[in-house]
Amino acid sequence: MKRQLLLILCAGLMGLPAYASYGPYEHGYGIKSMGAGGIGFVQPEDGYAVNANPAAAAFLDHRLDLGLNWIVVQPGGSIEGNAAGDDQKYNSDGARHFPIPQAAYVRPLSERLSFASTLFAAGIGSDYRQNPYARFGADDTGGLSVTQSGLSAMLAWRLRQTQAIGAGINLSYRAFELKGAQPFTALSQAPERVTNQGSRGGLGISLSLGWQAQLSQTVSAGVGWRSTTYTEKIDRYAGVLPDQGRLNMPALWGGGLAFTPTPRLTLAVDYQRVEYASEPALGHPLARLTEHDQPLGADAGPGFGWRDQNIYKLGLIWRASERLTLRAGYSQGSVIMPPSQTLFGLLAQAVGKRHYTAGATYALTPQWEMTGYAAVQPRNEVRGQQSIPADFGGGEAHVFFTSYSAGLSISRRFGAPAASSAP
């Protein structure tokens, strides 16, 4: 019954493909955060901030936030110097528009204890009308879809008026589908479970912890951590995912500082670390085929070969009037795809590097407010180096990615405001 309930809760989100900006993740936490460069560990402005730092719930009003983020992507790649075919560029143009819904609810239960819950979605993939692997014997079309949606529940406890801790649990459903990857069946220990198995998934769980405090009248700080998301094995893709179908999502952690020199102005900085390399499906390189004699699907088999990612964020919040708040921001992340891993990287173009953002909130009434934002992620390319094995004809695969995003949210505040000493 519990499993069925979670599947029902996730169904609405799973019906919409998700495509994020830093690997499978969006660049921020909620529409307000996204307009301010994605800052999230400190300076909470809506309920979605608890996804970065569960302690944020202690400093928020009783409120409901509903939003929609819309991402337009321009991913693709090219293959050069390959004996199996001419040099060619490939656009992942089968699907480019990705609406990602957001929802968050926060309720103070007492002067010290607050509850928060959010619905979330993430994902990455490709959709080629002209499959780059067709030159190796694959179907004419192909691509990858990895989506995750779920429900989080958080509790935050005020240690004192200016300091709080928080903890939460995140329940999720992961779906995986790979099409047009027939050439890789020869590299698998279970070739019948590599590609074209339809969309298959499993349930996952992770834990979150956070701390947030106002250190002085002008400076506040916060830290947050989310564990690895442990997920059920996807048996139908046991021939391509390591450990016979295991696809866990990586642990995240980071912290932030906010400086508020005047009541109208806040400047915030965040640092975030995403530990891709420790998860076999995401971090194991293709070289494990030869250097470790591990075929696709083996316990220590190859994955995408991603590196851990460091992300730096800068956000500016200007309270122009009692009703209008303006935001701007910038974020930059290290590129997680090494040049040697671009052959598999054509499936998931995780080469995003930076974002420029702007946003605004307008208070319609003391209870209702509307928020919008826009962001651009300029084109970035990873050019392959020794990326295509000799058995596939050698040469190099190159991967590029550009995205544009915009979002709207509406928020409803209930009752009296929370305590005034929030960070």
Protein backbone atom coordinates (compact mmCIF):
# COMPACT_ATOMS: atom_id res chain seq x y z
CA MET A 1 0.00 0.00 0.00
CA LYS A 2 2.79 2.47 0.89
CA ARG A 3 4.54 1.69 -2.38
CA GLN A 4 1.33 2.29 -4.36
CA LEU A 5 0.73 5.58 -2.54
CA LEU A 6 4.19 6.87 -3.41
CA LEU A 7 3.76 5.86 -7.04
CA ILE A 8 0.47 7.77 -7.17
CA LEU A 9 2.07 10.87 -5.63
CA CYS A 10 4.88 10.73 -8.18
CA ALA A 11 2.67 9.97 -11.18
CA GLY A 12 1.85 13.57 -11.94
CA LEU A 13 5.51 14.49 -12.08
CA MET A 14 6.64 11.39 -13.94
CA GLY A 15 4.25 12.23 -16.75
CA LEU A 16 6.43 15.25 -17.50
CA PRO A 17 10.02 14.75 -18.66
CA ALA A 18 12.62 16.60 -16.63
CA TYR A 19 15.87 17.98 -18.00
CA ALA A 20 18.12 19.80 -15.62
CA SER A 21 21.18 22.02 -15.90
CA TYR A 22 23.95 20.71 -13.64
CA GLY A 23 23.92 16.99 -14.39
CA PRO A 24 20.38 15.83 -13.53
CA TYR A 25 19.75 18.77 -11.17
CA GLU A 26 18.28 22.23 -11.68
CA HIS A 27 20.52 25.18 -10.87
CA GLY A 28 18.45 26.30 -7.85
CA TYR A 29 15.77 25.39 -5.34
CA GLY A 30 12.45 27.01 -6.25
CA ILE A 31 11.65 29.95 -8.51
CA LYS A 32 12.96 32.59 -6.07
CA SER A 33 16.28 30.79 -5.64
CA MET A 34 16.63 30.31 -9.39
CA GLY A 35 16.33 34.06 -9.97
CA ALA A 36 19.15 34.71 -7.46
CA GLY A 37 21.76 32.42 -9.00
CA GLY A 38 20.43 29.28 -7.31
CA ILE A 39 21.43 30.14 -3.71
CA GLY A 40 19.75 27.73 -1.32
CA PHE A 41 21.68 26.89 1.85
CA VAL A 42 20.98 30.28 3.43
CA GLN A 43 18.44 33.08 2.95
CA PRO A 44 15.26 31.01 2.49
CA GLU A 45 12.44 32.84 0.73
CA ASP A 46 9.98 30.05 -0.03
CA GLY A 47 9.21 26.49 1.00
CA TYR A 48 11.33 24.94 -1.71
CA ALA A 49 14.47 26.10 0.12
CA VAL A 50 14.15 23.10 2.47
CA ASN A 51 15.37 20.85 -0.37
CA ALA A 52 18.80 22.45 0.08
CA ASN A 53 18.62 22.97 3.84
CA PRO A 54 15.88 21.38 5.99
CA ALA A 55 16.59 23.88 8.79
CA ALA A 56 15.15 26.63 6.56
CA ALA A 57 11.62 25.57 7.56
CA ALA A 58 12.16 27.07 11.02
CA PHE A 59 12.50 30.55 9.51
CA LEU A 60 9.53 30.42 7.13
CA ASP A 61 5.87 31.35 7.56
CA HIS A 62 2.97 28.97 7.22
CA ARG A 63 2.84 28.96 3.41
CA LEU A 64 2.13 27.10 0.19
CA ASP A 65 4.26 27.56 -2.95
CA LEU A 66 3.29 26.24 -6.39
CA GLY A 67 5.48 26.77 -9.43
CA LEU A 68 6.48 25.65 -12.89
CA ASN A 69 9.98 25.81 -14.32
CA TRP A 70 10.30 25.59 -18.11
CA ILE A 71 13.64 24.58 -19.63
CA VAL A 72 14.46 24.79 -23.35
CA VAL A 73 17.59 22.83 -24.24
CA GLN A 74 19.87 22.67 -27.28
CA PRO A 75 22.04 19.58 -26.70
CA GLY A 76 23.96 17.46 -29.13
CA GLY A 77 27.36 16.38 -30.30
CA SER A 78 29.55 15.38 -33.19
CA ILE A 79 31.86 12.55 -34.24
CA GLU A 80 35.09 13.21 -36.13
CA GLY A 81 37.85 11.04 -37.54
CA ASN A 82 35.92 7.80 -37.10
CA ALA A 83 36.47 4.91 -39.51
CA ALA A 84 32.81 3.85 -39.34
CA GLY A 85 31.52 6.98 -41.07
CA ASP A 86 32.05 10.56 -42.15
CA ASP A 87 32.46 13.45 -39.73
CA GLN A 88 28.97 14.47 -38.65
CA LYS A 89 27.09 16.69 -36.19
CA TYR A 90 24.08 15.33 -34.29
CA ASN A 91 21.37 17.38 -32.61
CA SER A 92 19.32 15.86 -29.80
CA ASP A 93 16.22 17.53 -31.19
CA GLY A 94 13.43 15.03 -30.60
CA ALA A 95 12.39 16.86 -27.41
CA ARG A 96 13.62 20.27 -26.34
CA HIS A 97 10.95 21.69 -24.03
CA PHE A 98 10.79 20.37 -20.47
CA PRO A 99 8.22 21.67 -17.95
CA ILE A 100 9.19 20.84 -14.35
CA PRO A 101 6.48 21.42 -11.70
CA GLN A 102 7.30 22.50 -8.17
CA ALA A 103 5.31 22.44 -4.93
CA ALA A 104 6.18 23.12 -1.29
CA TYR A 105 4.24 23.43 1.95
CA VAL A 106 5.56 24.74 5.29
CA ARG A 107 3.69 24.80 8.60
CA PRO A 108 5.03 25.89 12.01
CA LEU A 109 3.79 23.34 14.56
CA SER A 110 4.93 25.32 17.61
CA GLU A 111 7.26 28.18 18.46
CA ARG A 112 10.21 25.82 17.99
CA LEU A 113 9.08 23.05 15.63
CA SER A 114 8.17 23.39 11.93
CA PHE A 115 7.15 20.89 9.25
CA ALA A 116 7.79 21.12 5.51
CA SER A 117 7.04 18.94 2.50
CA THR A 118 7.95 19.31 -1.16
CA LEU A 119 7.36 17.57 -4.46
CA PHE A 120 10.45 17.47 -6.67
CA ALA A 121 11.62 16.29 -10.08
CA ALA A 122 14.97 15.95 -11.84
CA GLY A 123 16.36 14.27 -14.90
CA ILE A 124 18.71 14.13 -17.85
CA GLY A 125 18.78 12.48 -21.26
CA SER A 126 18.74 12.77 -25.03
CA ASP A 127 16.36 12.19 -27.92
CA TYR A 128 18.05 11.77 -31.31
CA ARG A 129 16.06 11.61 -34.52
CA GLN A 130 19.41 10.86 -36.15
CA ASN A 131 21.21 8.48 -33.82
CA PRO A 132 25.00 9.07 -33.54
CA TYR A 133 25.44 5.35 -32.79
CA ALA A 134 23.75 4.33 -36.07
CA ARG A 135 27.16 4.35 -37.77
CA PHE A 136 28.10 1.47 -35.43
CA GLY A 137 24.99 -0.57 -36.28
CA ALA A 138 22.33 0.95 -33.98
CA ASP A 139 18.77 1.95 -34.85
CA ASP A 140 18.31 5.19 -36.79
CA THR A 141 16.78 6.87 -33.72
CA GLY A 142 17.88 6.63 -30.12
CA GLY A 143 18.37 8.32 -26.80
CA LEU A 144 18.30 8.12 -23.04
CA SER A 145 15.78 9.21 -20.42
CA VAL A 146 16.60 9.27 -16.70
CA THR A 147 13.92 10.91 -14.57
CA GLN A 148 13.34 11.16 -10.85
CA SER A 149 10.37 12.51 -8.93
CA GLY A 150 9.42 12.28 -5.33
CA LEU A 151 8.15 13.61 -2.06
CA SER A 152 10.18 15.02 0.83
CA ALA A 153 9.15 15.53 4.45
CA MET A 154 11.22 17.72 6.79
CA LEU A 155 11.21 18.79 10.43
CA ALA A 156 13.10 21.83 11.70
CA TRP A 157 13.81 22.65 15.35
CA ARG A 158 14.79 26.07 16.67
CA LEU A 159 17.68 25.68 19.09
CA ARG A 160 17.28 29.36 19.92
CA GLN A 161 15.64 32.35 18.27
CA THR A 162 18.42 32.75 15.70
CA GLN A 163 19.53 29.14 15.13
CA ALA A 164 17.87 25.94 13.91
CA ILE A 165 18.62 22.41 12.78
CA GLY A 166 16.58 20.26 10.41
CA ALA A 167 16.27 16.71 9.13
CA GLY A 168 14.18 15.02 6.50
CA ILE A 169 13.48 11.98 4.39
CA ASN A 170 13.14 11.97 0.60
CA LEU A 171 11.14 9.24 -1.13
CA SER A 172 11.47 9.03 -4.89
CA TYR A 173 10.76 7.02 -8.02
CA ARG A 174 13.43 6.64 -10.69
CA ALA A 175 12.66 5.79 -14.31
CA PHE A 176 15.27 4.76 -16.88
CA GLU A 177 14.95 4.14 -20.62
CA LEU A 178 17.67 3.56 -23.20
CA LYS A 179 17.00 3.23 -26.94
CA GLY A 180 19.21 2.72 -29.96
CA ALA A 181 22.31 1.43 -28.13
CA GLN A 182 22.64 -1.94 -29.90
CA PRO A 183 26.42 -1.63 -30.53
CA PHE A 184 27.07 -1.82 -26.80
CA THR A 185 25.43 -5.22 -26.39
CA ALA A 186 28.70 -6.86 -27.42
CA LEU A 187 30.34 -5.25 -24.38
CA SER A 188 27.76 -6.51 -21.88
CA GLN A 189 27.50 -9.53 -19.61
CA ALA A 190 23.73 -9.51 -20.29
CA PRO A 191 23.36 -8.29 -23.91
CA GLU A 192 19.60 -8.86 -23.96
CA ARG A 193 19.20 -6.24 -21.17
CA VAL A 194 21.12 -3.31 -22.59
CA THR A 195 18.72 -1.37 -24.79
CA ASN A 196 15.11 -1.00 -25.97
CA GLN A 197 13.55 -2.42 -22.80
CA GLY A 198 11.01 0.38 -22.38
CA SER A 199 10.79 2.71 -19.39
CA ARG A 200 11.65 0.85 -16.18
CA GLY A 201 12.08 2.14 -12.67
CA GLY A 202 12.31 1.64 -8.95
CA LEU A 203 11.79 3.37 -5.63
CA GLY A 204 14.54 5.27 -3.83
CA ILE A 205 15.22 6.88 -0.47
CA SER A 206 17.64 9.47 0.89
CA LEU A 207 18.11 11.52 4.05
CA SER A 208 18.69 15.26 4.51
CA LEU A 209 20.27 17.28 7.33
CA GLY A 210 20.76 21.01 7.76
CA TRP A 211 21.75 23.86 10.07
CA GLN A 212 21.00 27.55 9.74
CA ALA A 213 21.75 30.55 11.94
CA GLN A 214 21.93 34.31 12.08
CA LEU A 215 25.47 35.01 13.26
CA SER A 216 25.00 38.76 13.66
CA GLN A 217 22.57 41.48 12.67
CA THR A 218 23.94 41.41 9.13
CA VAL A 219 25.44 37.92 8.57
CA SER A 220 23.69 34.55 8.39
CA ALA A 221 24.97 31.09 7.48
CA GLY A 222 23.67 27.66 6.59
CA VAL A 223 24.86 24.19 5.65
CA GLY A 224 22.99 21.25 4.17
CA TRP A 225 23.63 17.61 3.26
CA ARG A 226 21.66 14.99 1.36
CA SER A 227 22.75 11.36 1.38
CA THR A 228 23.07 9.09 -1.62
CA THR A 229 19.64 8.17 -2.98
CA TYR A 230 19.57 4.38 -2.74
CA THR A 231 17.34 2.92 -5.43
CA GLU A 232 15.95 -0.48 -6.32
CA LYS A 233 17.76 -2.29 -9.12
CA ILE A 234 16.35 -1.92 -12.62
CA ASP A 235 16.48 -5.54 -13.75
CA ARG A 236 15.52 -4.93 -17.37
CA TYR A 237 18.67 -2.80 -17.79
CA ALA A 238 20.98 -5.09 -15.82
CA GLY A 239 23.16 -5.41 -18.91
CA VAL A 240 24.12 -1.73 -19.05
CA LEU A 241 23.94 -0.36 -15.48
CA PRO A 242 26.66 -1.52 -13.03
CA ASP A 243 25.82 -3.98 -10.28
CA GLN A 244 23.18 -5.60 -12.52
CA GLY A 245 20.94 -2.55 -12.81
CA ARG A 246 21.82 -0.21 -9.93
CA LEU A 247 21.38 3.54 -10.51
CA ASN A 248 21.81 5.55 -7.30
CA MET A 249 21.83 9.34 -7.26
CA PRO A 250 24.82 11.03 -5.63
CA ALA A 251 25.17 12.67 -2.24
CA LEU A 252 25.07 16.48 -2.15
CA TRP A 253 26.42 18.88 0.45
CA GLY A 254 27.36 22.51 0.78
CA GLY A 255 26.99 25.76 2.63
CA GLY A 256 26.30 29.43 2.23
CA LEU A 257 26.73 32.89 3.73
CA ALA A 258 24.39 35.87 3.40
CA PHE A 259 25.27 39.51 4.09
CA THR A 260 22.41 41.98 4.65
CA PRO A 261 23.97 45.43 5.18
CA THR A 262 20.58 47.16 4.93
CA PRO A 263 17.01 45.84 5.23
CA ARG A 264 16.67 46.24 1.47
CA LEU A 265 19.80 44.48 0.23
CA THR A 266 21.11 40.93 0.64
CA LEU A 267 24.19 39.44 -1.00
CA ALA A 268 24.54 35.65 -0.68
CA VAL A 269 27.13 33.08 -1.77
CA ASP A 270 26.84 29.28 -1.88
CA TYR A 271 29.20 26.39 -2.43
CA GLN A 272 27.84 22.97 -3.39
CA ARG A 273 29.58 19.63 -3.89
CA VAL A 274 27.96 16.78 -5.85
CA GLU A 275 29.67 13.40 -5.42
CA TYR A 276 29.08 11.72 -8.78
CA ALA A 277 32.36 9.81 -8.86
CA SER A 278 31.43 7.57 -5.93
CA GLU A 279 28.31 6.20 -7.67
CA PRO A 280 29.24 3.37 -10.11
CA ALA A 281 26.61 4.12 -12.78
CA LEU A 282 27.63 7.77 -12.89
CA GLY A 283 31.30 7.71 -11.95
CA HIS A 284 32.88 4.54 -13.38
CA PRO A 285 34.75 5.31 -16.64
CA LEU A 286 34.46 3.40 -19.89
CA ALA A 287 38.06 2.23 -19.46
CA ARG A 288 36.88 -0.35 -16.91
CA LEU A 289 36.02 -2.51 -19.92
CA THR A 290 39.70 -3.10 -20.65
CA GLU A 291 41.70 -1.99 -17.60
CA HIS A 292 39.60 -3.95 -15.09
CA ASP A 293 38.04 -6.55 -17.42
CA GLN A 294 34.57 -5.46 -16.28
CA PRO A 295 31.79 -5.69 -18.91
CA LEU A 296 28.71 -3.50 -18.92
CA GLY A 297 26.37 -4.55 -16.12
CA ALA A 298 29.09 -6.10 -13.95
CA ASP A 299 29.41 -5.21 -10.27
CA ALA A 300 32.24 -2.79 -11.06
CA GLY A 301 31.27 -2.20 -14.69
CA PRO A 302 31.54 1.04 -16.66
CA GLY A 303 29.23 4.03 -16.26
CA PHE A 304 29.30 7.61 -17.51
CA GLY A 305 32.69 8.40 -15.99
CA TRP A 306 31.57 11.67 -14.39
CA ARG A 307 33.77 13.55 -11.94
CA ASP A 308 32.62 15.15 -8.70
CA GLN A 309 31.27 18.66 -9.25
CA ASN A 310 31.98 21.91 -7.43
CA ILE A 311 29.35 24.63 -7.91
CA TYR A 312 29.72 28.26 -6.83
CA LYS A 313 26.71 30.58 -6.66
CA LEU A 314 26.28 34.32 -6.14
CA GLY A 315 22.89 35.93 -5.54
CA LEU A 316 21.71 39.52 -5.09
CA ILE A 317 18.30 40.34 -3.56
CA TRP A 318 17.01 43.94 -3.66
CA ARG A 319 13.78 44.77 -1.85
CA ALA A 320 12.81 47.72 -4.03
CA SER A 321 9.55 48.40 -2.19
CA GLU A 322 7.10 46.76 0.17
CA ARG A 323 5.61 44.91 -2.79
CA LEU A 324 8.48 44.45 -5.25
CA THR A 325 11.64 42.35 -4.77
CA LEU A 326 14.27 42.07 -7.51
CA ARG A 327 16.93 39.35 -7.87
CA ALA A 328 19.99 38.62 -9.97
CA GLY A 329 22.65 35.97 -9.82
CA TYR A 330 25.41 33.90 -11.34
CA SER A 331 26.55 30.32 -10.85
CA GLN A 332 29.45 28.32 -12.18
CA GLY A 333 30.15 24.62 -11.89
CA SER A 334 33.08 22.44 -12.80
CA VAL A 335 32.44 20.26 -15.85
CA ILE A 336 31.74 16.70 -14.76
CA MET A 337 32.39 14.97 -18.10
CA PRO A 338 36.07 14.21 -18.84
CA PRO A 339 37.15 14.41 -22.51
CA SER A 340 37.75 10.64 -22.48
CA GLN A 341 34.08 9.88 -21.65
CA THR A 342 32.27 11.67 -24.47
CA LEU A 343 31.24 8.52 -26.38
CA PHE A 344 28.74 7.66 -23.63
CA GLY A 345 28.37 11.38 -23.02
CA LEU A 346 26.40 11.71 -26.26
CA LEU A 347 23.54 10.08 -24.33
CA ALA A 348 23.58 12.56 -21.43
CA GLN A 349 25.17 15.89 -22.32
CA ALA A 350 26.19 16.86 -18.77
CA VAL A 351 28.57 19.64 -19.80
CA GLY A 352 26.74 22.69 -18.38
CA LYS A 353 29.13 25.20 -16.82
CA ARG A 354 27.50 28.54 -15.89
CA HIS A 355 24.19 30.37 -15.44
CA TYR A 356 23.15 34.02 -15.57
CA THR A 357 19.84 34.67 -13.81
CA ALA A 358 17.32 37.39 -12.97
CA GLY A 359 13.96 37.36 -11.20
CA ALA A 360 11.32 39.32 -9.34
CA THR A 361 8.51 38.90 -6.82
CA TYR A 362 5.42 41.09 -6.58
CA ALA A 363 3.14 40.96 -3.52
CA LEU A 364 -0.43 41.03 -4.79
CA THR A 365 -1.81 41.21 -1.24
CA PRO A 366 -0.30 40.56 2.22
CA GLN A 367 -1.15 36.86 1.68
CA TRP A 368 -0.53 36.33 -2.05
CA GLU A 369 2.58 36.89 -4.15
CA MET A 370 3.75 36.08 -7.67
CA THR A 371 7.35 35.27 -8.62
CA GLY A 372 9.08 34.90 -11.96
CA TYR A 373 12.61 34.34 -13.18
CA ALA A 374 14.66 33.75 -16.33
CA ALA A 375 18.09 32.24 -16.86
CA VAL A 376 20.49 31.44 -19.66
CA GLN A 377 23.14 28.74 -19.68
CA PRO A 378 25.57 29.62 -22.50
CA ARG A 379 26.82 26.92 -24.82
CA ASN A 380 29.62 24.78 -23.47
CA GLU A 381 31.41 21.98 -25.28
CA VAL A 382 33.63 19.11 -24.19
CA ARG A 383 35.83 17.91 -27.03
CA GLY A 384 36.77 14.28 -26.84
CA GLN A 385 40.29 13.00 -26.31
CA GLN A 386 40.87 9.28 -26.93
CA SER A 387 37.11 8.95 -26.54
CA ILE A 388 36.19 6.31 -29.16
CA PRO A 389 37.81 2.86 -28.76
CA ALA A 390 39.69 1.37 -31.69
CA ASP A 391 37.10 -1.43 -31.92
CA PHE A 392 34.56 1.28 -32.81
CA GLY A 393 36.82 2.86 -35.42
CA GLY A 394 38.66 5.41 -33.28
CA GLY A 395 38.32 9.15 -33.66
CA GLU A 396 36.66 11.55 -31.26
CA ALA A 397 33.17 12.31 -29.96
CA HIS A 398 32.37 15.88 -28.91
CA VAL A 399 29.43 16.97 -26.73
CA PHE A 400 27.76 20.39 -26.39
CA PHE A 401 24.87 21.86 -24.42
CA THR A 402 22.94 25.14 -24.17
CA SER A 403 19.79 25.90 -22.19
CA TYR A 404 17.30 28.68 -21.52
CA SER A 405 14.85 28.58 -18.65
CA ALA A 406 12.04 30.59 -17.12
CA GLY A 407 9.56 29.95 -14.36
CA LEU A 408 6.57 31.28 -12.48
CA SER A 409 5.27 30.55 -9.00
CA ILE A 410 2.41 31.70 -6.83
CA SER A 411 2.60 31.67 -3.06
CA ARG A 412 -0.01 31.85 -0.32
CA ARG A 413 0.90 32.84 3.24
CA PHE A 414 -1.37 31.83 6.09
CA GLY A 415 -1.71 33.45 9.50
CA ALA A 416 0.84 35.62 11.27
CA PRO A 417 4.46 35.90 10.03
CA ALA A 418 7.15 33.71 11.51
CA ALA A 419 9.56 35.03 14.13
CA SER A 420 11.43 38.11 12.93
CA SER A 421 14.97 36.86 13.55
CA ALA A 422 15.14 34.72 10.43
CA PRO A 423 18.42 34.67 8.51
